[in-house]
Amino acid sequence: MLLMLMAVAALVLVVAAGICFRGEGKGITGIRRWMFLLGAAGGGVSTVVLLVFLLHAYRAAHGTTRVDLDRLYPVFSMLGLGMLAAVLAFFGRRLSRLFLLGGGLLAVVTWYLAGLAVSP
């Protein structure tokens, strides 16, 4: 349950970064804008897949059949995508930078803990 709350918090931070960037991003041009938007999209994808992974893990934990979630989901790739989002956050400005950095790092920590929890 705690991991689910952490994943939702990461998604809220990524969405907040996108909302703040709409106002703050007008002064950013060129490659900085695209890099930040790429990081926000990557962070969003990573956290949405994380939420689906955690829901599937919760359902599998209460089921009777064993499911190997490590093989079904790209855990390591999504952890890397969350880290990429945190790195690309430095291309933003002010609050949007902090929100995306926090969301990306929170997604990385949650992916790590979720991967540890479901690994055999």
PDB file of N, CA and C in Angstrom:
ATOM      1  N   MET A   1       0.814  -1.191   0.000  1.00  0.00           N
ATOM      2  CA  MET A   1       0.000   0.000   0.000  1.00  0.00           C
ATOM      3  C   MET A   1       0.866   1.267   0.000  1.00  0.00           C
ATOM      4  N   LEU A   2       1.974   1.211   0.727  1.00  0.00           N
ATOM      5  CA  LEU A   2       2.873   2.360   0.766  1.00  0.00           C
ATOM      6  C   LEU A   2       3.497   2.608  -0.607  1.00  0.00           C
ATOM      7  N   LEU A   3       3.846   1.518  -1.296  1.00  0.00           N
ATOM      8  CA  LEU A   3       4.424   1.676  -2.631  1.00  0.00           C
ATOM      9  C   LEU A   3       3.422   2.305  -3.592  1.00  0.00           C
ATOM     10  N   MET A   4       2.154   1.955  -3.432  1.00  0.00           N
ATOM     11  CA  MET A   4       1.126   2.542  -4.294  1.00  0.00           C
ATOM     12  C   MET A   4       1.011   4.043  -4.031  1.00  0.00           C
ATOM     13  N   LEU A   5       1.072   4.436  -2.782  1.00  0.00           N
ATOM     14  CA  LEU A   5       1.018   5.870  -2.452  1.00  0.00           C
ATOM     15  C   LEU A   5       2.239   6.607  -2.991  1.00  0.00           C
ATOM     16  N   MET A   6       3.394   5.965  -2.927  1.00  0.00           N
ATOM     17  CA  MET A   6       4.603   6.581  -3.469  1.00  0.00           C
ATOM     18  C   MET A   6       4.495   6.747  -4.976  1.00  0.00           C
ATOM     19  N   ALA A   7       3.915   5.759  -5.656  1.00  0.00           N
ATOM     20  CA  ALA A   7       3.760   5.839  -7.103  1.00  0.00           C
ATOM     21  C   ALA A   7       2.768   6.932  -7.490  1.00  0.00           C
ATOM     22  N   VAL A   8       1.686   7.041  -6.751  1.00  0.00           N
ATOM     23  CA  VAL A   8       0.706   8.101  -7.019  1.00  0.00           C
ATOM     24  C   VAL A   8       1.332   9.469  -6.774  1.00  0.00           C
ATOM     25  N   ALA A   9       2.137   9.586  -5.714  1.00  0.00           N
ATOM     26  CA  ALA A   9       2.819  10.854  -5.431  1.00  0.00           C
ATOM     27  C   ALA A   9       3.797  11.207  -6.553  1.00  0.00           C
ATOM     28  N   ALA A  10       4.487  10.206  -7.098  1.00  0.00           N
ATOM     29  CA  ALA A  10       5.404  10.457  -8.211  1.00  0.00           C
ATOM     30  C   ALA A  10       4.637  10.941  -9.439  1.00  0.00           C
ATOM     31  N   LEU A  11       3.484  10.335  -9.691  1.00  0.00           N
ATOM     32  CA  LEU A  11       2.671  10.759 -10.835  1.00  0.00           C
ATOM     33  C   LEU A  11       2.146  12.179 -10.640  1.00  0.00           C
ATOM     34  N   VAL A  12       1.744  12.502  -9.424  1.00  0.00           N
ATOM     35  CA  VAL A  12       1.266  13.860  -9.130  1.00  0.00           C
ATOM     36  C   VAL A  12       2.393  14.873  -9.332  1.00  0.00           C
ATOM     37  N   LEU A  13       3.603  14.537  -8.923  1.00  0.00           N
ATOM     38  CA  LEU A  13       4.733  15.448  -9.107  1.00  0.00           C
ATOM     39  C   LEU A  13       5.067  15.658 -10.588  1.00  0.00           C
ATOM     40  N   VAL A  14       4.977  14.594 -11.386  1.00  0.00           N
ATOM     41  CA  VAL A  14       5.257  14.731 -12.814  1.00  0.00           C
ATOM     42  C   VAL A  14       4.184  15.583 -13.487  1.00  0.00           C
ATOM     43  N   VAL A  15       2.938  15.369 -13.116  1.00  0.00           N
ATOM     44  CA  VAL A  15       1.850  16.185 -13.683  1.00  0.00           C
ATOM     45  C   VAL A  15       2.002  17.645 -13.251  1.00  0.00           C
ATOM     46  N   ALA A  16       2.364  17.865 -11.992  1.00  0.00           N
ATOM     47  CA  ALA A  16       2.582  19.236 -11.510  1.00  0.00           C
ATOM     48  C   ALA A  16       3.739  19.901 -12.255  1.00  0.00           C
ATOM     49  N   ALA A  17       4.772  19.118 -12.582  1.00  0.00           N
ATOM     50  CA  ALA A  17       5.885  19.669 -13.362  1.00  0.00           C
ATOM     51  C   ALA A  17       5.409  20.107 -14.737  1.00  0.00           C
ATOM     52  N   GLY A  18       4.555  19.306 -15.349  1.00  0.00           N
ATOM     53  CA  GLY A  18       4.020  19.680 -16.657  1.00  0.00           C
ATOM     54  C   GLY A  18       3.156  20.928 -16.601  1.00  0.00           C
ATOM     55  N   ILE A  19       2.347  21.048 -15.555  1.00  0.00           N
ATOM     56  CA  ILE A  19       1.485  22.221 -15.400  1.00  0.00           C
ATOM     57  C   ILE A  19       2.324  23.475 -15.145  1.00  0.00           C
ATOM     58  N   CYS A  20       3.326  23.364 -14.286  1.00  0.00           N
ATOM     59  CA  CYS A  20       4.199  24.514 -14.016  1.00  0.00           C
ATOM     60  C   CYS A  20       5.008  24.894 -15.248  1.00  0.00           C
ATOM     61  N   PHE A  21       5.399  23.913 -16.041  1.00  0.00           N
ATOM     62  CA  PHE A  21       6.211  24.199 -17.222  1.00  0.00           C
ATOM     63  C   PHE A  21       5.426  24.968 -18.274  1.00  0.00           C
ATOM     64  N   ARG A  22       4.127  24.803 -18.287  1.00  0.00           N
ATOM     65  CA  ARG A  22       3.315  25.566 -19.240  1.00  0.00           C
ATOM     66  C   ARG A  22       3.487  27.057 -19.026  1.00  0.00           C
ATOM     67  N   GLY A  23       3.596  27.481 -17.763  1.00  0.00           N
ATOM     68  CA  GLY A  23       3.791  28.899 -17.472  1.00  0.00           C
ATOM     69  C   GLY A  23       5.246  29.323 -17.509  1.00  0.00           C
ATOM     70  N   GLU A  24       6.115  28.471 -17.008  1.00  0.00           N
ATOM     71  CA  GLU A  24       7.529  28.822 -16.912  1.00  0.00           C
ATOM     72  C   GLU A  24       8.302  28.555 -18.192  1.00  0.00           C
ATOM     73  N   GLY A  25       7.811  27.689 -19.040  1.00  0.00           N
ATOM     74  CA  GLY A  25       8.563  27.248 -20.204  1.00  0.00           C
ATOM     75  C   GLY A  25       8.560  28.209 -21.376  1.00  0.00           C
ATOM     76  N   LYS A  26       7.855  29.321 -21.249  1.00  0.00           N
ATOM     77  CA  LYS A  26       7.802  30.273 -22.359  1.00  0.00           C
ATOM     78  C   LYS A  26       9.151  30.934 -22.607  1.00  0.00           C
ATOM     79  N   GLY A  27       9.966  31.026 -21.575  1.00  0.00           N
ATOM     80  CA  GLY A  27      11.283  31.641 -21.730  1.00  0.00           C
ATOM     81  C   GLY A  27      12.336  30.663 -22.212  1.00  0.00           C
ATOM     82  N   ILE A  28      11.991  29.387 -22.262  1.00  0.00           N
ATOM     83  CA  ILE A  28      12.948  28.368 -22.693  1.00  0.00           C
ATOM     84  C   ILE A  28      12.713  28.065 -24.164  1.00  0.00           C
ATOM     85  N   THR A  29      13.764  28.040 -24.927  1.00  0.00           N
ATOM     86  CA  THR A  29      13.630  27.751 -26.350  1.00  0.00           C
ATOM     87  C   THR A  29      14.557  26.617 -26.747  1.00  0.00           C
ATOM     88  N   GLY A  30      14.278  26.047 -27.873  1.00  0.00           N
ATOM     89  CA  GLY A  30      15.174  25.085 -28.487  1.00  0.00           C
ATOM     90  C   GLY A  30      15.279  23.765 -27.768  1.00  0.00           C
ATOM     91  N   ILE A  31      16.512  23.324 -27.632  1.00  0.00           N
ATOM     92  CA  ILE A  31      16.780  21.982 -27.147  1.00  0.00           C
ATOM     93  C   ILE A  31      16.406  21.812 -25.671  1.00  0.00           C
ATOM     94  N   ARG A  32      16.535  22.873 -24.883  1.00  0.00           N
ATOM     95  CA  ARG A  32      16.174  22.774 -23.460  1.00  0.00           C
ATOM     96  C   ARG A  32      14.717  22.429 -23.286  1.00  0.00           C
ATOM     97  N   ARG A  33      13.852  23.035 -24.084  1.00  0.00           N
ATOM     98  CA  ARG A  33      12.419  22.773 -24.006  1.00  0.00           C
ATOM     99  C   ARG A  33      12.121  21.311 -24.351  1.00  0.00           C
ATOM    100  N   TRP A  34      12.714  20.830 -25.458  1.00  0.00           N
ATOM    101  CA  TRP A  34      12.452  19.460 -25.883  1.00  0.00           C
ATOM    102  C   TRP A  34      13.026  18.444 -24.905  1.00  0.00           C
ATOM    103  N   MET A  35      14.161  18.724 -24.327  1.00  0.00           N
ATOM    104  CA  MET A  35      14.745  17.795 -23.361  1.00  0.00           C
ATOM    105  C   MET A  35      13.886  17.696 -22.101  1.00  0.00           C
ATOM    106  N   PHE A  36      13.379  18.832 -21.631  1.00  0.00           N
ATOM    107  CA  PHE A  36      12.519  18.802 -20.459  1.00  0.00           C
ATOM    108  C   PHE A  36      11.225  18.057 -20.766  1.00  0.00           C
ATOM    109  N   LEU A  37      10.633  18.323 -21.918  1.00  0.00           N
ATOM    110  CA  LEU A  37       9.394  17.638 -22.287  1.00  0.00           C
ATOM    111  C   LEU A  37       9.621  16.142 -22.467  1.00  0.00           C
ATOM    112  N   LEU A  38      10.777  15.761 -22.989  1.00  0.00           N
ATOM    113  CA  LEU A  38      11.123  14.349 -23.098  1.00  0.00           C
ATOM    114  C   LEU A  38      11.236  13.711 -21.716  1.00  0.00           C
ATOM    115  N   GLY A  39      11.847  14.428 -20.778  1.00  0.00           N
ATOM    116  CA  GLY A  39      11.949  13.935 -19.409  1.00  0.00           C
ATOM    117  C   GLY A  39      10.591  13.813 -18.734  1.00  0.00           C
ATOM    118  N   ALA A  40       9.716  14.784 -18.970  1.00  0.00           N
ATOM    119  CA  ALA A  40       8.375  14.725 -18.386  1.00  0.00           C
ATOM    120  C   ALA A  40       7.577  13.560 -18.964  1.00  0.00           C
ATOM    121  N   ALA A  41       7.698  13.343 -20.264  1.00  0.00           N
ATOM    122  CA  ALA A  41       6.998  12.212 -20.888  1.00  0.00           C
ATOM    123  C   ALA A  41       7.554  10.880 -20.377  1.00  0.00           C
ATOM    124  N   GLY A  42       8.865  10.788 -20.253  1.00  0.00           N
ATOM    125  CA  GLY A  42       9.478   9.575 -19.722  1.00  0.00           C
ATOM    126  C   GLY A  42       9.081   9.312 -18.280  1.00  0.00           C
ATOM    127  N   GLY A  43       9.054  10.358 -17.486  1.00  0.00           N
ATOM    128  CA  GLY A  43       8.625  10.204 -16.093  1.00  0.00           C
ATOM    129  C   GLY A  43       7.168   9.786 -15.992  1.00  0.00           C
ATOM    130  N   GLY A  44       6.336  10.330 -16.867  1.00  0.00           N
ATOM    131  CA  GLY A  44       4.926   9.946 -16.874  1.00  0.00           C
ATOM    132  C   GLY A  44       4.736   8.496 -17.272  1.00  0.00           C
ATOM    133  N   VAL A  45       5.442   8.064 -18.308  1.00  0.00           N
ATOM    134  CA  VAL A  45       5.344   6.661 -18.743  1.00  0.00           C
ATOM    135  C   VAL A  45       5.838   5.728 -17.648  1.00  0.00           C
ATOM    136  N   SER A  46       6.951   6.071 -17.032  1.00  0.00           N
ATOM    137  CA  SER A  46       7.516   5.232 -15.974  1.00  0.00           C
ATOM    138  C   SER A  46       6.561   5.092 -14.794  1.00  0.00           C
ATOM    139  N   THR A  47       5.931   6.169 -14.383  1.00  0.00           N
ATOM    140  CA  THR A  47       5.045   6.092 -13.226  1.00  0.00           C
ATOM    141  C   THR A  47       3.728   5.398 -13.557  1.00  0.00           C
ATOM    142  N   VAL A  48       3.228   5.550 -14.781  1.00  0.00           N
ATOM    143  CA  VAL A  48       1.995   4.848 -15.152  1.00  0.00           C
ATOM    144  C   VAL A  48       2.253   3.337 -15.216  1.00  0.00           C
ATOM    145  N   VAL A  49       3.376   2.936 -15.806  1.00  0.00           N
ATOM    146  CA  VAL A  49       3.722   1.511 -15.832  1.00  0.00           C
ATOM    147  C   VAL A  49       3.955   0.999 -14.413  1.00  0.00           C
ATOM    148  N   LEU A  50       4.523   1.823 -13.561  1.00  0.00           N
ATOM    149  CA  LEU A  50       4.713   1.442 -12.164  1.00  0.00           C
ATOM    150  C   LEU A  50       3.386   1.195 -11.467  1.00  0.00           C
ATOM    151  N   LEU A  51       2.410   2.049 -11.698  1.00  0.00           N
ATOM    152  CA  LEU A  51       1.098   1.847 -11.093  1.00  0.00           C
ATOM    153  C   LEU A  51       0.448   0.553 -11.580  1.00  0.00           C
ATOM    154  N   VAL A  52       0.549   0.280 -12.864  1.00  0.00           N
ATOM    155  CA  VAL A  52      -0.004  -0.966 -13.403  1.00  0.00           C
ATOM    156  C   VAL A  52       0.738  -2.167 -12.825  1.00  0.00           C
ATOM    157  N   PHE A  53       2.044  -2.071 -12.719  1.00  0.00           N
ATOM    158  CA  PHE A  53       2.857  -3.136 -12.130  1.00  0.00           C
ATOM    159  C   PHE A  53       2.432  -3.413 -10.686  1.00  0.00           C
ATOM    160  N   LEU A  54       2.252  -2.357  -9.903  1.00  0.00           N
ATOM    161  CA  LEU A  54       1.872  -2.541  -8.504  1.00  0.00           C
ATOM    162  C   LEU A  54       0.463  -3.119  -8.367  1.00  0.00           C
ATOM    163  N   LEU A  55      -0.448  -2.697  -9.220  1.00  0.00           N
ATOM    164  CA  LEU A  55      -1.793  -3.278  -9.190  1.00  0.00           C
ATOM    165  C   LEU A  55      -1.764  -4.760  -9.555  1.00  0.00           C
ATOM    166  N   HIS A  56      -0.969  -5.116 -10.547  1.00  0.00           N
ATOM    167  CA  HIS A  56      -0.836  -6.510 -10.930  1.00  0.00           C
ATOM    168  C   HIS A  56      -0.165  -7.314  -9.818  1.00  0.00           C
ATOM    169  N   ALA A  57       0.830  -6.748  -9.171  1.00  0.00           N
ATOM    170  CA  ALA A  57       1.498  -7.432  -8.065  1.00  0.00           C
ATOM    171  C   ALA A  57       0.542  -7.637  -6.897  1.00  0.00           C
ATOM    172  N   TYR A  58      -0.289  -6.660  -6.622  1.00  0.00           N
ATOM    173  CA  TYR A  58      -1.266  -6.794  -5.535  1.00  0.00           C
ATOM    174  C   TYR A  58      -2.276  -7.896  -5.862  1.00  0.00           C
ATOM    175  N   ARG A  59      -2.726  -7.906  -7.098  1.00  0.00           N
ATOM    176  CA  ARG A  59      -3.696  -8.925  -7.519  1.00  0.00           C
ATOM    177  C   ARG A  59      -3.055 -10.308  -7.502  1.00  0.00           C
ATOM    178  N   ALA A  60      -1.804 -10.415  -7.926  1.00  0.00           N
ATOM    179  CA  ALA A  60      -1.109 -11.704  -7.947  1.00  0.00           C
ATOM    180  C   ALA A  60      -0.814 -12.202  -6.540  1.00  0.00           C
ATOM    181  N   ALA A  61      -0.583 -11.290  -5.618  1.00  0.00           N
ATOM    182  CA  ALA A  61      -0.291 -11.698  -4.241  1.00  0.00           C
ATOM    183  C   ALA A  61      -1.506 -12.314  -3.567  1.00  0.00           C
ATOM    184  N   HIS A  62      -2.685 -11.926  -3.997  1.00  0.00           N
ATOM    185  CA  HIS A  62      -3.904 -12.449  -3.390  1.00  0.00           C
ATOM    186  C   HIS A  62      -4.534 -13.560  -4.225  1.00  0.00           C
ATOM    187  N   GLY A  63      -3.858 -13.968  -5.287  1.00  0.00           N
ATOM    188  CA  GLY A  63      -4.360 -15.030  -6.149  1.00  0.00           C
ATOM    189  C   GLY A  63      -3.748 -16.365  -5.783  1.00  0.00           C
ATOM    190  N   THR A  64      -4.167 -17.388  -6.495  1.00  0.00           N
ATOM    191  CA  THR A  64      -3.671 -18.732  -6.206  1.00  0.00           C
ATOM    192  C   THR A  64      -2.562 -19.158  -7.159  1.00  0.00           C
ATOM    193  N   THR A  65      -2.494 -18.552  -8.329  1.00  0.00           N
ATOM    194  CA  THR A  65      -1.454 -18.925  -9.283  1.00  0.00           C
ATOM    195  C   THR A  65      -0.252 -17.998  -9.138  1.00  0.00           C
ATOM    196  N   ARG A  66       0.924 -18.568  -9.335  1.00  0.00           N
ATOM    197  CA  ARG A  66       2.147 -17.782  -9.256  1.00  0.00           C
ATOM    198  C   ARG A  66       2.384 -17.062 -10.578  1.00  0.00           C
ATOM    199  N   VAL A  67       2.778 -15.808 -10.497  1.00  0.00           N
ATOM    200  CA  VAL A  67       3.062 -14.997 -11.674  1.00  0.00           C
ATOM    201  C   VAL A  67       4.462 -14.423 -11.515  1.00  0.00           C
ATOM    202  N   ASP A  68       5.277 -14.556 -12.554  1.00  0.00           N
ATOM    203  CA  ASP A  68       6.627 -13.996 -12.531  1.00  0.00           C
ATOM    204  C   ASP A  68       6.571 -12.582 -13.110  1.00  0.00           C
ATOM    205  N   LEU A  69       6.396 -11.605 -12.223  1.00  0.00           N
ATOM    206  CA  LEU A  69       6.244 -10.220 -12.659  1.00  0.00           C
ATOM    207  C   LEU A  69       7.534  -9.628 -13.204  1.00  0.00           C
ATOM    208  N   ASP A  70       8.674 -10.164 -12.777  1.00  0.00           N
ATOM    209  CA  ASP A  70       9.953  -9.659 -13.283  1.00  0.00           C
ATOM    210  C   ASP A  70      10.089  -9.886 -14.785  1.00  0.00           C
ATOM    211  N   ARG A  71       9.509 -10.963 -15.279  1.00  0.00           N
ATOM    212  CA  ARG A  71       9.587 -11.245 -16.711  1.00  0.00           C
ATOM    213  C   ARG A  71       8.479 -10.565 -17.501  1.00  0.00           C
ATOM    214  N   LEU A  72       7.377 -10.226 -16.856  1.00  0.00           N
ATOM    215  CA  LEU A  72       6.259  -9.591 -17.546  1.00  0.00           C
ATOM    216  C   LEU A  72       6.469  -8.097 -17.757  1.00  0.00           C
ATOM    217  N   TYR A  73       7.151  -7.444 -16.829  1.00  0.00           N
ATOM    218  CA  TYR A  73       7.299  -5.992 -16.877  1.00  0.00           C
ATOM    219  C   TYR A  73       8.769  -5.606 -17.025  1.00  0.00           C
ATOM    220  N   PRO A  74       9.047  -4.538 -17.746  1.00  0.00           N
ATOM    221  CA  PRO A  74      10.445  -4.084 -17.916  1.00  0.00           C
ATOM    222  C   PRO A  74      10.883  -3.242 -16.712  1.00  0.00           C
ATOM    223  N   VAL A  75      11.098  -3.895 -15.600  1.00  0.00           N
ATOM    224  CA  VAL A  75      11.390  -3.195 -14.343  1.00  0.00           C
ATOM    225  C   VAL A  75      12.658  -2.358 -14.467  1.00  0.00           C
ATOM    226  N   PHE A  76      13.719  -2.953 -14.958  1.00  0.00           N
ATOM    227  CA  PHE A  76      14.991  -2.233 -15.024  1.00  0.00           C
ATOM    228  C   PHE A  76      14.928  -1.079 -16.028  1.00  0.00           C
ATOM    229  N   SER A  77      14.246  -1.290 -17.140  1.00  0.00           N
ATOM    230  CA  SER A  77      14.123  -0.219 -18.146  1.00  0.00           C
ATOM    231  C   SER A  77      13.318   0.957 -17.606  1.00  0.00           C
ATOM    232  N   MET A  78      12.253   0.665 -16.894  1.00  0.00           N
ATOM    233  CA  MET A  78      11.419   1.730 -16.338  1.00  0.00           C
ATOM    234  C   MET A  78      12.143   2.460 -15.199  1.00  0.00           C
ATOM    235  N   LEU A  79      12.963   1.735 -14.456  1.00  0.00           N
ATOM    236  CA  LEU A  79      13.785   2.384 -13.432  1.00  0.00           C
ATOM    237  C   LEU A  79      14.751   3.356 -14.107  1.00  0.00           C
ATOM    238  N   GLY A  80      15.347   2.930 -15.208  1.00  0.00           N
ATOM    239  CA  GLY A  80      16.244   3.808 -15.957  1.00  0.00           C
ATOM    240  C   GLY A  80      15.524   5.001 -16.564  1.00  0.00           C
ATOM    241  N   LEU A  81      14.288   4.796 -17.004  1.00  0.00           N
ATOM    242  CA  LEU A  81      13.507   5.902 -17.566  1.00  0.00           C
ATOM    243  C   LEU A  81      13.167   6.930 -16.488  1.00  0.00           C
ATOM    244  N   GLY A  82      12.898   6.462 -15.274  1.00  0.00           N
ATOM    245  CA  GLY A  82      12.675   7.393 -14.166  1.00  0.00           C
ATOM    246  C   GLY A  82      13.932   8.185 -13.839  1.00  0.00           C
ATOM    247  N   MET A  83      15.078   7.519 -13.913  1.00  0.00           N
ATOM    248  CA  MET A  83      16.345   8.213 -13.668  1.00  0.00           C
ATOM    249  C   MET A  83      16.632   9.224 -14.775  1.00  0.00           C
ATOM    250  N   LEU A  84      16.311   8.872 -16.008  1.00  0.00           N
ATOM    251  CA  LEU A  84      16.481   9.798 -17.122  1.00  0.00           C
ATOM    252  C   LEU A  84      15.594  11.028 -16.945  1.00  0.00           C
ATOM    253  N   ALA A  85      14.379  10.810 -16.461  1.00  0.00           N
ATOM    254  CA  ALA A  85      13.479  11.945 -16.206  1.00  0.00           C
ATOM    255  C   ALA A  85      14.069  12.873 -15.147  1.00  0.00           C
ATOM    256  N   ALA A  86      14.670  12.286 -14.118  1.00  0.00           N
ATOM    257  CA  ALA A  86      15.277  13.107 -13.067  1.00  0.00           C
ATOM    258  C   ALA A  86      16.467  13.905 -13.604  1.00  0.00           C
ATOM    259  N   VAL A  87      17.239  13.308 -14.493  1.00  0.00           N
ATOM    260  CA  VAL A  87      18.396  14.010 -15.068  1.00  0.00           C
ATOM    261  C   VAL A  87      17.939  15.111 -16.019  1.00  0.00           C
ATOM    262  N   LEU A  88      16.942  14.803 -16.848  1.00  0.00           N
ATOM    263  CA  LEU A  88      16.466  15.791 -17.813  1.00  0.00           C
ATOM    264  C   LEU A  88      15.670  16.913 -17.154  1.00  0.00           C
ATOM    265  N   ALA A  89      15.351  16.763 -15.878  1.00  0.00           N
ATOM    266  CA  ALA A  89      14.647  17.826 -15.161  1.00  0.00           C
ATOM    267  C   ALA A  89      15.501  19.090 -15.077  1.00  0.00           C
ATOM    268  N   PHE A  90      16.804  18.955 -15.151  1.00  0.00           N
ATOM    269  CA  PHE A  90      17.677  20.114 -15.037  1.00  0.00           C
ATOM    270  C   PHE A  90      17.605  21.045 -16.245  1.00  0.00           C
ATOM    271  N   PHE A  91      16.888  20.631 -17.278  1.00  0.00           N
ATOM    272  CA  PHE A  91      16.690  21.512 -18.426  1.00  0.00           C
ATOM    273  C   PHE A  91      15.507  22.451 -18.221  1.00  0.00           C
ATOM    274  N   GLY A  92      14.744  22.247 -17.153  1.00  0.00           N
ATOM    275  CA  GLY A  92      13.577  23.093 -16.886  1.00  0.00           C
ATOM    276  C   GLY A  92      13.948  24.335 -16.103  1.00  0.00           C
ATOM    277  N   ARG A  93      12.906  24.971 -15.567  1.00  0.00           N
ATOM    278  CA  ARG A  93      13.115  26.175 -14.783  1.00  0.00           C
ATOM    279  C   ARG A  93      12.320  26.077 -13.483  1.00  0.00           C
ATOM    280  N   ARG A  94      12.805  26.706 -12.467  1.00  0.00           N
ATOM    281  CA  ARG A  94      12.176  26.917 -11.172  1.00  0.00           C
ATOM    282  C   ARG A  94      11.406  25.698 -10.658  1.00  0.00           C
ATOM    283  N   LEU A  95      10.108  25.863 -10.406  1.00  0.00           N
ATOM    284  CA  LEU A  95       9.309  24.812  -9.783  1.00  0.00           C
ATOM    285  C   LEU A  95       9.158  23.578 -10.659  1.00  0.00           C
ATOM    286  N   SER A  96       9.047  23.760 -11.956  1.00  0.00           N
ATOM    287  CA  SER A  96       8.886  22.601 -12.832  1.00  0.00           C
ATOM    288  C   SER A  96      10.109  21.683 -12.740  1.00  0.00           C
ATOM    289  N   ARG A  97      11.284  22.279 -12.596  1.00  0.00           N
ATOM    290  CA  ARG A  97      12.512  21.500 -12.441  1.00  0.00           C
ATOM    291  C   ARG A  97      12.470  20.677 -11.159  1.00  0.00           C
ATOM    292  N   LEU A  98      12.069  21.311 -10.073  1.00  0.00           N
ATOM    293  CA  LEU A  98      12.023  20.599  -8.791  1.00  0.00           C
ATOM    294  C   LEU A  98      10.963  19.509  -8.776  1.00  0.00           C
ATOM    295  N   PHE A  99       9.800  19.780  -9.353  1.00  0.00           N
ATOM    296  CA  PHE A  99       8.737  18.785  -9.389  1.00  0.00           C
ATOM    297  C   PHE A  99       9.151  17.558 -10.207  1.00  0.00           C
ATOM    298  N   LEU A 100       9.742  17.784 -11.363  1.00  0.00           N
ATOM    299  CA  LEU A 100      10.143  16.648 -12.193  1.00  0.00           C
ATOM    300  C   LEU A 100      11.299  15.890 -11.567  1.00  0.00           C
ATOM    301  N   LEU A 101      12.218  16.585 -10.953  1.00  0.00           N
ATOM    302  CA  LEU A 101      13.316  15.918 -10.257  1.00  0.00           C
ATOM    303  C   LEU A 101      12.778  15.050  -9.122  1.00  0.00           C
ATOM    304  N   GLY A 102      11.875  15.602  -8.334  1.00  0.00           N
ATOM    305  CA  GLY A 102      11.279  14.830  -7.239  1.00  0.00           C
ATOM    306  C   GLY A 102      10.467  13.650  -7.740  1.00  0.00           C
ATOM    307  N   GLY A 103       9.689  13.860  -8.795  1.00  0.00           N
ATOM    308  CA  GLY A 103       8.883  12.770  -9.348  1.00  0.00           C
ATOM    309  C   GLY A 103       9.737  11.663  -9.937  1.00  0.00           C
ATOM    310  N   GLY A 104      10.794  12.038 -10.632  1.00  0.00           N
ATOM    311  CA  GLY A 104      11.682  11.035 -11.209  1.00  0.00           C
ATOM    312  C   GLY A 104      12.418  10.224 -10.151  1.00  0.00           C
ATOM    313  N   LEU A 105      12.935  10.900  -9.143  1.00  0.00           N
ATOM    314  CA  LEU A 105      13.648  10.186  -8.080  1.00  0.00           C
ATOM    315  C   LEU A 105      12.707   9.322  -7.250  1.00  0.00           C
ATOM    316  N   LEU A 106      11.503   9.816  -7.016  1.00  0.00           N
ATOM    317  CA  LEU A 106      10.522   9.013  -6.287  1.00  0.00           C
ATOM    318  C   LEU A 106      10.109   7.785  -7.094  1.00  0.00           C
ATOM    319  N   ALA A 107      10.002   7.918  -8.396  1.00  0.00           N
ATOM    320  CA  ALA A 107       9.695   6.766  -9.250  1.00  0.00           C
ATOM    321  C   ALA A 107      10.834   5.751  -9.219  1.00  0.00           C
ATOM    322  N   VAL A 108      12.069   6.226  -9.234  1.00  0.00           N
ATOM    323  CA  VAL A 108      13.220   5.311  -9.180  1.00  0.00           C
ATOM    324  C   VAL A 108      13.229   4.534  -7.877  1.00  0.00           C
ATOM    325  N   VAL A 109      13.045   5.208  -6.765  1.00  0.00           N
ATOM    326  CA  VAL A 109      13.042   4.536  -5.463  1.00  0.00           C
ATOM    327  C   VAL A 109      11.882   3.539  -5.376  1.00  0.00           C
ATOM    328  N   THR A 110      10.722   3.934  -5.887  1.00  0.00           N
ATOM    329  CA  THR A 110       9.563   3.050  -5.829  1.00  0.00           C
ATOM    330  C   THR A 110       9.758   1.839  -6.736  1.00  0.00           C
ATOM    331  N   TRP A 111      10.326   2.037  -7.926  1.00  0.00           N
ATOM    332  CA  TRP A 111      10.620   0.900  -8.795  1.00  0.00           C
ATOM    333  C   TRP A 111      11.591  -0.057  -8.117  1.00  0.00           C
ATOM    334  N   TYR A 112      12.603   0.481  -7.471  1.00  0.00           N
ATOM    335  CA  TYR A 112      13.591  -0.363  -6.792  1.00  0.00           C
ATOM    336  C   TYR A 112      12.941  -1.186  -5.685  1.00  0.00           C
ATOM    337  N   LEU A 113      12.154  -0.520  -4.855  1.00  0.00           N
ATOM    338  CA  LEU A 113      11.497  -1.231  -3.745  1.00  0.00           C
ATOM    339  C   LEU A 113      10.464  -2.233  -4.253  1.00  0.00           C
ATOM    340  N   ALA A 114       9.737  -1.889  -5.300  1.00  0.00           N
ATOM    341  CA  ALA A 114       8.748  -2.816  -5.856  1.00  0.00           C
ATOM    342  C   ALA A 114       9.443  -4.010  -6.495  1.00  0.00           C
ATOM    343  N   GLY A 115      10.547  -3.770  -7.172  1.00  0.00           N
ATOM    344  CA  GLY A 115      11.306  -4.872  -7.757  1.00  0.00           C
ATOM    345  C   GLY A 115      11.837  -5.817  -6.701  1.00  0.00           C
ATOM    346  N   LEU A 116      12.281  -5.275  -5.590  1.00  0.00           N
ATOM    347  CA  LEU A 116      12.740  -6.115  -4.486  1.00  0.00           C
ATOM    348  C   LEU A 116      11.597  -6.895  -3.859  1.00  0.00           C
ATOM    349  N   ALA A 117      10.441  -6.275  -3.783  1.00  0.00           N
ATOM    350  CA  ALA A 117       9.301  -6.918  -3.130  1.00  0.00           C
ATOM    351  C   ALA A 117       8.761  -8.105  -3.924  1.00  0.00           C
ATOM    352  N   VAL A 118       8.790  -8.040  -5.235  1.00  0.00           N
ATOM    353  CA  VAL A 118       8.195  -9.114  -6.030  1.00  0.00           C
ATOM    354  C   VAL A 118       9.206 -10.109  -6.564  1.00  0.00           C
ATOM    355  N   SER A 119      10.496  -9.855  -6.380  1.00  0.00           N
ATOM    356  CA  SER A 119      11.487 -10.805  -6.890  1.00  0.00           C
ATOM    357  C   SER A 119      11.519 -12.059  -6.015  1.00  0.00           C
ATOM    358  N   PRO A 120      11.726 -13.206  -6.653  1.00  0.00           N
ATOM    359  CA  PRO A 120      11.716 -14.468  -5.867  1.00  0.00           C
ATOM    360  C   PRO A 120      12.963 -14.630  -5.033  1.00  0.00           C
TER     361      PRO A 120
END
